[in-house]
Amino acid sequence: MEKLTIRQIEEKIKTIKLEDDPFLHSIKHDDRKGVQQLLAKWHSRKLQQKKIFEKHKEMTQYEVRYRSHGFQFIAGIDEVGRGPLAGPVVAAAVILPEDFCLPGLDDSKKVPENKREEFFEIIKAKAEAVSVGIIEPEEIDRINIFEATKKAMLSAIEGLSPKPDFLLVDAVKLLTPYPMEAIIKGDGKSISIAAASIIAKVTRDRMMAEIGTEFPQYGFEKNMGYGTKEHLEAIILHGISPYHRKSFAPIKDRISEIE
C-alpha cells in the first residue's frame, strides 16, 4: 500500500475525533518528522479541548446545585466599568437554559475580543433572559461608584423576563426579594455569571467606542475610559468631557487645578 503524503495525512487527521482511531495508531510509528509533528499537534489540541470542557463542567456546579434545590430560573449577575475614569458602569443579568453549553466561556477579561463578540451573540440568542443596567457618570459622581454598581445590578435584575428565582452575583451582596449567593471571582466560577460578564463587557465596550467617535481625542475606543498614559495626557491637553467621572481622583484633581 502506497504511503500517504504528509499533506494527505494532515487533511485526514483533521477529521478524526477519537483518540483510539485506527488511523492514529497506523501513523504512530511513521518515522517522518512532519508526521510526528502532526500527531503531537492533534494530541495537544485534544488535551486543550478536554481542559475546556472540564472547565465548562466545573463552572456549572452552582447552577446544578441550586437546580437540585428546586430553583429553575437562576440568574447570573456581573458588572464592568467600576475602575475607569470615564463612561458608565454597566451590569448584566443572564438566565441560561439548563442545557446551555458554550465551551470556552469564562470571565470576559480572559476571553479575546473576537470571541467575546461571538459569545455575546450566542448568549443573546440562547439565553432564557438577558437584561442590562446602566448608570451614567453623573449619577456615579452623585451616589459613588459602589452604590452605582449595586444600582446597575438591581436594574439589570429588574429587567429580566421571566423573573429569576435565584441569583448568583459576582462578589457583591445585594438587597433583593430573591435568594442569592455572592461568589468571589464568580465570573470565573459560574457559567451564568460568566455569561453576564460577557454581555456587560461587550455592551460597555460598544458604548465607549461610540463615545469615542464623539470625543476622538481621548481614545475611548481603545482605553475604554481607563486611565492609560495617553488618556491622562489627553485630559491635561484637552480638559475633561461630559463622560468623565468628576468624583474620581485624577479628574477631581484636574478640576481643582483649573479652578
Protein backbone atom coordinates (compact mmCIF):
# COMPACT_ATOMS: atom_id res chain seq x y z
CA MET A 1 0.00 0.00 0.00
CA GLU A 2 1.34 3.39 -1.03
CA LYS A 3 2.38 5.59 1.89
CA LEU A 4 0.29 8.76 2.29
CA THR A 5 1.99 12.10 1.86
CA ILE A 6 2.30 14.41 4.86
CA ARG A 7 -0.27 16.73 3.25
CA GLN A 8 -2.72 13.83 2.86
CA ILE A 9 -2.16 12.83 6.48
CA GLU A 10 -2.73 16.44 7.57
CA GLU A 11 -6.10 16.54 5.79
CA LYS A 12 -7.19 13.16 7.14
CA ILE A 13 -6.16 13.85 10.73
CA LYS A 14 -8.39 16.97 10.77
CA THR A 15 -11.47 14.73 10.58
CA ILE A 16 -10.50 12.43 13.47
CA LYS A 17 -12.32 12.88 16.78
CA LEU A 18 -11.43 9.81 18.86
CA GLU A 19 -8.08 9.00 20.45
CA ASP A 20 -8.42 5.29 19.67
CA ASP A 21 -8.97 5.87 15.96
CA PRO A 22 -7.06 3.19 13.98
CA PHE A 23 -5.52 5.82 11.71
CA LEU A 24 -3.75 7.46 14.64
CA HIS A 25 -2.28 4.09 15.60
CA SER A 26 -1.23 3.49 12.00
CA ILE A 27 0.89 6.66 11.83
CA LYS A 28 2.28 6.38 15.36
CA HIS A 29 5.44 4.67 14.12
CA ASP A 30 5.85 6.72 10.93
CA ASP A 31 9.45 7.95 11.18
CA ARG A 32 8.84 11.17 9.23
CA LYS A 33 9.30 14.22 11.45
CA GLY A 34 6.37 16.04 9.81
CA VAL A 35 4.01 13.17 10.60
CA GLN A 36 5.06 13.08 14.25
CA GLN A 37 4.57 16.85 14.48
CA LEU A 38 1.02 16.48 13.13
CA LEU A 39 0.33 13.71 15.63
CA ALA A 40 1.69 15.79 18.51
CA LYS A 41 -0.45 18.78 17.44
CA TRP A 42 -3.56 16.60 17.30
CA HIS A 43 -2.98 15.29 20.82
CA SER A 44 -2.21 18.81 22.07
CA ARG A 45 -5.48 20.15 20.60
CA LYS A 46 -7.38 17.21 22.07
CA LEU A 47 -5.91 17.88 25.52
CA GLN A 48 -6.81 21.57 25.25
CA GLN A 49 -10.38 20.71 24.24
CA LYS A 50 -10.64 18.32 27.18
CA LYS A 51 -9.48 21.05 29.58
CA ILE A 52 -12.01 23.50 28.12
CA PHE A 53 -14.89 21.02 28.54
CA GLU A 54 -13.76 20.16 32.08
CA LYS A 55 -13.65 23.87 32.94
CA HIS A 56 -17.11 24.32 31.46
CA LYS A 57 -18.48 21.45 33.55
CA GLU A 58 -16.80 22.84 36.67
CA MET A 59 -18.42 26.23 36.02
CA THR A 60 -21.92 24.71 36.11
CA GLN A 61 -21.53 23.49 39.71
CA TYR A 62 -23.51 26.35 41.28
CA GLU A 63 -26.31 26.09 38.74
CA VAL A 64 -26.52 22.30 39.18
CA ARG A 65 -26.58 22.65 42.96
CA TYR A 66 -29.37 25.21 43.08
CA ARG A 67 -31.45 23.44 40.42
CA SER A 68 -31.26 20.34 42.61
CA HIS A 69 -32.83 22.50 45.35
CA GLY A 70 -35.78 23.29 43.10
CA PHE A 71 -34.73 26.64 41.59
CA GLN A 72 -35.46 26.95 37.88
CA PHE A 73 -34.59 30.48 36.72
CA ILE A 74 -31.09 31.09 38.05
CA ALA A 75 -29.69 34.48 37.05
CA GLY A 76 -26.00 35.32 36.89
CA ILE A 77 -25.15 38.97 37.55
CA ASP A 78 -21.89 40.83 36.87
CA GLU A 79 -20.69 44.35 36.12
CA VAL A 80 -17.93 46.08 34.21
CA GLY A 81 -16.61 49.61 34.37
CA ARG A 82 -16.08 50.16 38.07
CA GLY A 83 -12.49 51.40 37.64
CA PRO A 84 -12.44 53.66 34.55
CA LEU A 85 -12.20 57.45 34.70
CA ALA A 86 -14.92 57.85 32.08
CA GLY A 87 -18.08 56.21 30.85
CA PRO A 88 -20.91 54.34 32.55
CA VAL A 89 -20.85 51.33 34.83
CA VAL A 90 -22.74 48.50 33.13
CA ALA A 91 -24.25 45.43 34.77
CA ALA A 92 -25.88 42.45 33.12
CA ALA A 93 -28.19 39.72 34.36
CA VAL A 94 -28.50 36.48 32.40
CA ILE A 95 -30.68 33.40 32.88
CA LEU A 96 -29.33 30.43 30.92
CA PRO A 97 -31.27 27.29 29.99
CA GLU A 98 -30.33 24.11 31.84
CA ASP A 99 -28.77 22.54 28.73
CA PHE A 100 -26.68 25.59 27.81
CA CYS A 101 -23.21 24.65 26.60
CA LEU A 102 -20.60 27.11 25.36
CA PRO A 103 -17.08 25.70 25.89
CA GLY A 104 -14.53 28.47 26.35
CA LEU A 105 -16.98 30.81 28.10
CA ASP A 106 -15.17 32.42 31.02
CA ASP A 107 -14.57 35.71 32.80
CA SER A 108 -14.75 38.30 30.00
CA LYS A 109 -11.23 39.56 30.85
CA LYS A 110 -9.87 36.13 29.90
CA VAL A 111 -11.74 35.89 26.58
CA PRO A 112 -10.22 37.51 23.45
CA GLU A 113 -12.24 40.36 21.92
CA ASN A 114 -13.29 38.44 18.79
CA LYS A 115 -14.51 35.54 20.96
CA ARG A 116 -16.35 37.93 23.29
CA GLU A 117 -18.28 39.29 20.32
CA GLU A 118 -19.08 35.76 19.14
CA PHE A 119 -20.14 34.62 22.63
CA PHE A 120 -22.25 37.78 23.08
CA GLU A 121 -24.40 36.85 20.09
CA ILE A 122 -24.71 33.20 21.15
CA ILE A 123 -25.71 34.12 24.72
CA LYS A 124 -28.29 36.65 23.46
CA ALA A 125 -29.75 34.02 21.13
CA LYS A 126 -29.83 31.08 23.56
CA ALA A 127 -30.45 32.63 26.99
CA GLU A 128 -33.85 32.44 28.67
CA ALA A 129 -33.45 36.11 29.54
CA VAL A 130 -30.86 38.90 29.23
CA SER A 131 -31.07 42.34 30.83
CA VAL A 132 -28.65 45.24 31.19
CA GLY A 133 -28.47 48.04 33.78
CA ILE A 134 -26.52 51.24 33.01
CA ILE A 135 -25.56 54.03 35.40
CA GLU A 136 -24.10 57.13 33.77
CA PRO A 137 -21.12 59.17 35.11
CA GLU A 138 -23.28 61.97 36.53
CA GLU A 139 -25.07 59.51 38.82
CA ILE A 140 -21.83 57.73 39.68
CA ASP A 141 -20.50 61.07 40.90
CA ARG A 142 -23.66 61.68 42.91
CA ILE A 143 -24.01 58.33 44.72
CA ASN A 144 -20.42 56.88 44.45
CA ILE A 145 -19.20 54.01 42.31
CA PHE A 146 -20.03 51.18 44.73
CA GLU A 147 -23.64 52.31 45.09
CA ALA A 148 -23.82 52.87 41.34
CA THR A 149 -22.58 49.33 40.76
CA LYS A 150 -25.28 47.89 43.00
CA LYS A 151 -27.92 50.07 41.37
CA ALA A 152 -26.85 48.90 37.89
CA MET A 153 -27.07 45.27 39.05
CA LEU A 154 -30.52 45.77 40.59
CA SER A 155 -31.71 47.49 37.42
CA ALA A 156 -30.48 44.55 35.32
CA ILE A 157 -32.26 42.07 37.61
CA GLU A 158 -35.47 44.11 37.46
CA GLY A 159 -35.42 43.96 33.67
CA LEU A 160 -35.37 40.16 33.47
CA SER A 161 -38.33 38.33 31.98
CA PRO A 162 -39.02 35.66 33.12
CA LYS A 163 -38.18 36.78 36.64
CA PRO A 164 -35.39 34.88 38.41
CA ASP A 165 -35.97 32.69 41.45
CA PHE A 166 -32.30 32.64 42.47
CA LEU A 167 -29.33 34.96 41.92
CA LEU A 168 -25.64 34.21 41.53
CA VAL A 169 -23.79 37.51 41.88
CA ASP A 170 -20.14 38.29 41.29
CA ALA A 171 -18.82 39.30 44.74
CA VAL A 172 -21.48 41.92 45.62
CA LYS A 173 -24.21 41.28 48.20
CA LEU A 174 -27.50 42.81 47.12
CA LEU A 175 -30.75 43.55 48.93
CA THR A 176 -33.35 41.90 46.70
CA PRO A 177 -36.54 39.88 47.10
CA TYR A 178 -34.69 36.87 45.65
CA PRO A 179 -32.46 34.38 47.44
CA MET A 180 -28.87 34.75 46.28
CA GLU A 181 -25.23 33.80 46.68
CA ALA A 182 -22.38 36.26 46.22
CA ILE A 183 -19.36 34.45 44.77
CA ILE A 184 -15.88 35.95 44.96
CA LYS A 185 -14.42 35.94 41.41
CA GLY A 186 -17.70 34.40 40.34
CA ASP A 187 -17.18 35.30 36.67
CA GLY A 188 -14.58 32.52 36.55
CA LYS A 189 -16.58 30.04 38.66
CA SER A 190 -20.18 30.24 37.44
CA ILE A 191 -21.32 29.85 33.83
CA SER A 192 -24.24 32.24 34.43
CA ILE A 193 -22.04 34.96 35.91
CA ALA A 194 -19.50 34.47 33.09
CA ALA A 195 -22.32 34.96 30.55
CA ALA A 196 -23.36 38.16 32.36
CA SER A 197 -19.72 39.28 32.32
CA ILE A 198 -19.58 38.90 28.52
CA ILE A 199 -22.87 40.75 27.99
CA ALA A 200 -21.82 43.62 30.26
CA LYS A 201 -18.31 43.89 28.78
CA VAL A 202 -19.36 43.89 25.12
CA THR A 203 -22.24 46.30 25.82
CA ARG A 204 -19.95 48.76 27.58
CA ASP A 205 -17.12 48.44 25.03
CA ARG A 206 -19.55 49.25 22.23
CA MET A 207 -20.82 52.27 24.17
CA MET A 208 -17.27 53.53 24.72
CA ALA A 209 -16.42 53.07 21.04
CA GLU A 210 -19.47 55.17 20.16
CA ILE A 211 -18.49 57.86 22.68
CA GLY A 212 -15.01 57.73 21.14
CA THR A 213 -16.40 58.90 17.80
CA GLU A 214 -17.84 61.94 19.57
CA PHE A 215 -14.65 62.68 21.53
CA PRO A 216 -11.81 61.11 19.49
CA GLN A 217 -9.08 62.97 21.40
CA TYR A 218 -9.36 60.63 24.43
CA GLY A 219 -9.06 57.29 22.61
CA PHE A 220 -12.08 55.83 24.41
CA GLU A 221 -12.47 53.12 21.76
CA LYS A 222 -9.05 51.79 22.83
CA ASN A 223 -8.77 52.53 26.55
CA MET A 224 -12.49 52.09 27.38
CA GLY A 225 -12.19 55.04 29.75
CA TYR A 226 -9.39 53.59 31.86
CA GLY A 227 -6.57 55.87 32.99
CA THR A 228 -3.90 54.96 30.47
CA LYS A 229 -0.90 57.24 29.97
CA GLU A 230 -2.34 58.53 26.67
CA HIS A 231 -5.75 59.13 28.24
CA LEU A 232 -4.27 61.11 31.15
CA GLU A 233 -2.18 63.17 28.73
CA ALA A 234 -5.33 63.90 26.68
CA ILE A 235 -7.10 65.13 29.82
CA ILE A 236 -4.22 67.54 30.55
CA LEU A 237 -4.24 68.75 26.96
CA HIS A 238 -8.00 68.93 26.26
CA GLY A 239 -9.64 69.04 29.68
CA ILE A 240 -12.49 66.69 30.51
CA SER A 241 -15.53 65.53 28.56
CA PRO A 242 -19.13 65.16 29.79
CA TYR A 243 -18.42 61.43 30.12
CA HIS A 244 -15.61 61.77 32.66
CA ARG A 245 -16.30 60.93 36.30
CA LYS A 246 -15.67 64.11 38.24
CA SER A 247 -15.53 62.33 41.61
CA PHE A 248 -12.57 60.14 40.56
CA ALA A 249 -9.20 61.38 41.83
CA PRO A 250 -7.35 62.22 38.57
CA ILE A 251 -10.38 64.09 37.24
CA LYS A 252 -11.14 65.76 40.57
CA ASP A 253 -7.51 66.87 40.83
CA ARG A 254 -7.59 68.27 37.29
CA ILE A 255 -10.78 70.24 38.04
CA SER A 256 -9.15 71.64 41.21
CA GLU A 257 -6.09 72.78 39.21
CA ILE A 258 -8.31 74.61 36.71
CA GLU A 259 -10.33 76.26 39.45
